[in-house]
Protein backbone atom coordinates (compact mmCIF):
# COMPACT_ATOMS: atom_id res chain seq x y z
CA UNK A 1 53.47 -26.72 9.51
CA UNK A 2 54.04 -22.98 10.00
CA UNK A 3 53.20 -22.40 6.33
CA UNK A 4 49.81 -24.08 6.68
CA UNK A 5 49.08 -22.11 9.85
CA UNK A 6 49.94 -18.79 8.16
CA UNK A 7 47.83 -19.65 5.12
CA UNK A 8 44.78 -20.32 7.31
CA UNK A 9 45.48 -17.18 9.32
CA UNK A 10 45.77 -15.11 6.13
CA UNK A 11 42.56 -16.59 4.71
CA UNK A 12 40.76 -15.86 7.99
CA UNK A 13 41.90 -12.24 8.03
CA UNK A 14 40.95 -11.69 4.38
CA UNK A 15 37.48 -13.26 4.95
CA UNK A 16 36.91 -11.04 7.99
CA UNK A 17 37.87 -7.93 6.04
CA UNK A 18 35.63 -8.87 3.12
CA UNK A 19 32.62 -9.45 5.37
CA UNK A 20 33.26 -6.13 7.11
CA UNK A 21 33.45 -4.32 3.78
CA UNK A 22 30.05 -5.67 2.73
CA UNK A 23 28.24 -4.22 5.75
CA UNK A 24 26.15 -1.24 4.69
CA UNK A 25 26.19 1.84 6.91
CA UNK A 26 22.48 2.62 7.27
CA UNK A 27 20.97 6.10 7.56
CA UNK A 28 17.48 7.53 8.07
CA UNK A 29 17.37 8.11 4.31
CA UNK A 30 17.76 4.37 3.66
CA UNK A 31 14.67 3.63 5.74
CA UNK A 32 12.62 6.14 3.74
CA UNK A 33 13.02 3.70 0.82
CA UNK A 34 11.17 0.96 2.73
CA UNK A 35 7.50 0.74 1.72
CA UNK A 36 4.61 -1.45 2.74
CA UNK A 37 4.19 -4.39 0.38
CA UNK A 38 7.92 -4.86 -0.28
CA UNK A 39 8.97 -8.48 -0.16
CA UNK A 40 11.62 -9.59 2.31
CA UNK A 41 13.99 -9.97 -0.64
CA UNK A 42 13.38 -6.35 -1.68
CA UNK A 43 13.84 -5.25 1.94
CA UNK A 44 17.21 -6.99 2.19
CA UNK A 45 18.22 -5.61 -1.21
CA UNK A 46 17.41 -2.11 0.11
CA UNK A 47 18.85 -2.29 3.63
CA UNK A 48 21.11 -5.32 3.64
CA UNK A 49 20.92 -8.24 6.04
CA UNK A 50 19.41 -7.38 9.43
CA UNK A 51 21.27 -7.97 12.68
CA UNK A 52 18.43 -10.24 13.78
CA UNK A 53 15.33 -11.90 12.34
CA UNK A 54 12.63 -12.77 14.87
CA UNK A 55 10.18 -15.37 13.56
CA UNK A 56 8.22 -16.07 16.76
CA UNK A 57 4.77 -14.57 16.08
CA UNK A 58 3.96 -13.91 19.72
CA UNK A 59 7.25 -12.09 20.27
CA UNK A 60 6.76 -10.11 17.05
CA UNK A 61 3.29 -8.91 18.10
CA UNK A 62 4.57 -7.98 21.58
CA UNK A 63 7.53 -6.08 20.10
CA UNK A 64 5.28 -4.25 17.62
CA UNK A 65 3.01 -3.19 20.46
CA UNK A 66 6.03 -1.99 22.48
CA UNK A 67 7.47 -0.18 19.46
CA UNK A 68 4.13 1.49 18.72
CA UNK A 69 3.87 2.74 22.31
CA UNK A 70 7.45 3.98 22.51
CA UNK A 71 8.60 4.98 19.04
CA UNK A 72 9.90 8.44 18.37
CA UNK A 73 8.69 9.14 14.87
CA UNK A 74 11.33 11.66 13.88
CA UNK A 75 10.21 12.20 10.32
CA UNK A 76 6.63 13.06 11.25
CA UNK A 77 7.69 16.61 12.05
CA UNK A 78 9.11 16.88 8.54
CA UNK A 79 6.33 14.98 6.79
CA UNK A 80 2.88 14.65 8.34
CA UNK A 81 1.94 12.08 5.68
CA UNK A 82 4.78 9.69 6.47
CA UNK A 83 2.54 6.77 7.43
CA UNK A 84 0.18 7.27 4.49
CA UNK A 85 3.12 7.44 2.06
CA UNK A 86 4.64 4.30 3.65
CA UNK A 87 1.31 2.46 3.28
CA UNK A 88 0.81 3.34 -0.38
CA UNK A 89 -0.44 6.90 -0.65
CA UNK A 90 -4.01 7.02 0.66
CA UNK A 91 -5.87 6.76 3.97
CA UNK A 92 -7.54 3.65 2.53
CA UNK A 93 -4.13 2.04 1.94
CA UNK A 94 -3.18 2.78 5.53
CA UNK A 95 -6.42 1.27 6.85
CA UNK A 96 -5.94 -1.90 4.75
CA UNK A 97 -2.42 -2.21 6.11
CA UNK A 98 -3.65 -1.88 9.70
CA UNK A 99 -6.29 -4.56 9.07
CA UNK A 100 -3.75 -6.92 7.49
CA UNK A 101 -1.42 -6.47 10.44
CA UNK A 102 -4.12 -6.84 13.09
CA UNK A 103 -5.60 -9.97 11.48
CA UNK A 104 -2.30 -11.73 10.74
CA UNK A 105 -1.90 -15.31 11.94
CA UNK A 106 1.89 -15.05 11.70
CA UNK A 107 4.27 -12.13 11.94
CA UNK A 108 8.04 -11.73 12.07
CA UNK A 109 10.36 -8.77 12.16
CA UNK A 110 13.78 -7.79 10.87
CA UNK A 111 15.85 -5.85 13.40
CA UNK A 112 18.27 -3.25 12.00
CA UNK A 113 20.71 -1.29 14.14
CA UNK A 114 22.39 1.86 12.94
CA UNK A 115 24.23 4.63 14.76
CA UNK A 116 22.67 4.95 18.23
CA UNK A 117 19.30 3.80 16.96
CA UNK A 118 17.45 0.81 15.56
CA UNK A 119 14.38 0.00 13.54
CA UNK A 120 12.21 -3.07 13.35
CA UNK A 121 10.55 -3.87 10.05
CA UNK A 122 7.49 -6.12 10.44
CA UNK A 123 6.66 -8.86 7.95
CA UNK A 124 3.36 -10.66 7.24
CA UNK A 125 3.06 -13.16 4.38
CA UNK A 126 6.55 -12.23 3.11
CA UNK A 127 5.61 -8.55 2.82
CA UNK A 128 6.56 -5.47 4.82
CA UNK A 129 3.53 -4.31 6.80
CA UNK A 130 4.97 -1.87 9.31
CA UNK A 131 8.13 -0.19 10.52
CA UNK A 132 8.93 1.46 13.82
CA UNK A 133 12.05 3.19 15.03
CA UNK A 134 13.74 4.99 17.88
């Protein structure tokens, strides 16, 4: 009986360690790789699994509005074209992205925490459409 208990205990410890080893330590640099138009699969390949996925459209729109009002866009001081680059490279790309986001029937977001901060990456039709951060 003790042998079975210790085997399960050992398996549990090993599984916990393996899961912990797979967690990616995110940085600001990782988020610079996220671009509008990425699929959710590409997003997860880039950043790993989020801590939370919110699929309620109403909550996603409310959170995006809150994020837009309160975000501290750190990289803007370093790169005034951050939003244009994120959207695809031109003002027209940025405007199309805003239209797609504003006219979306459904929206979700992936919530990533890192350090003392977090970022929400917004998804419409399985594509990244916006990202905010604190």
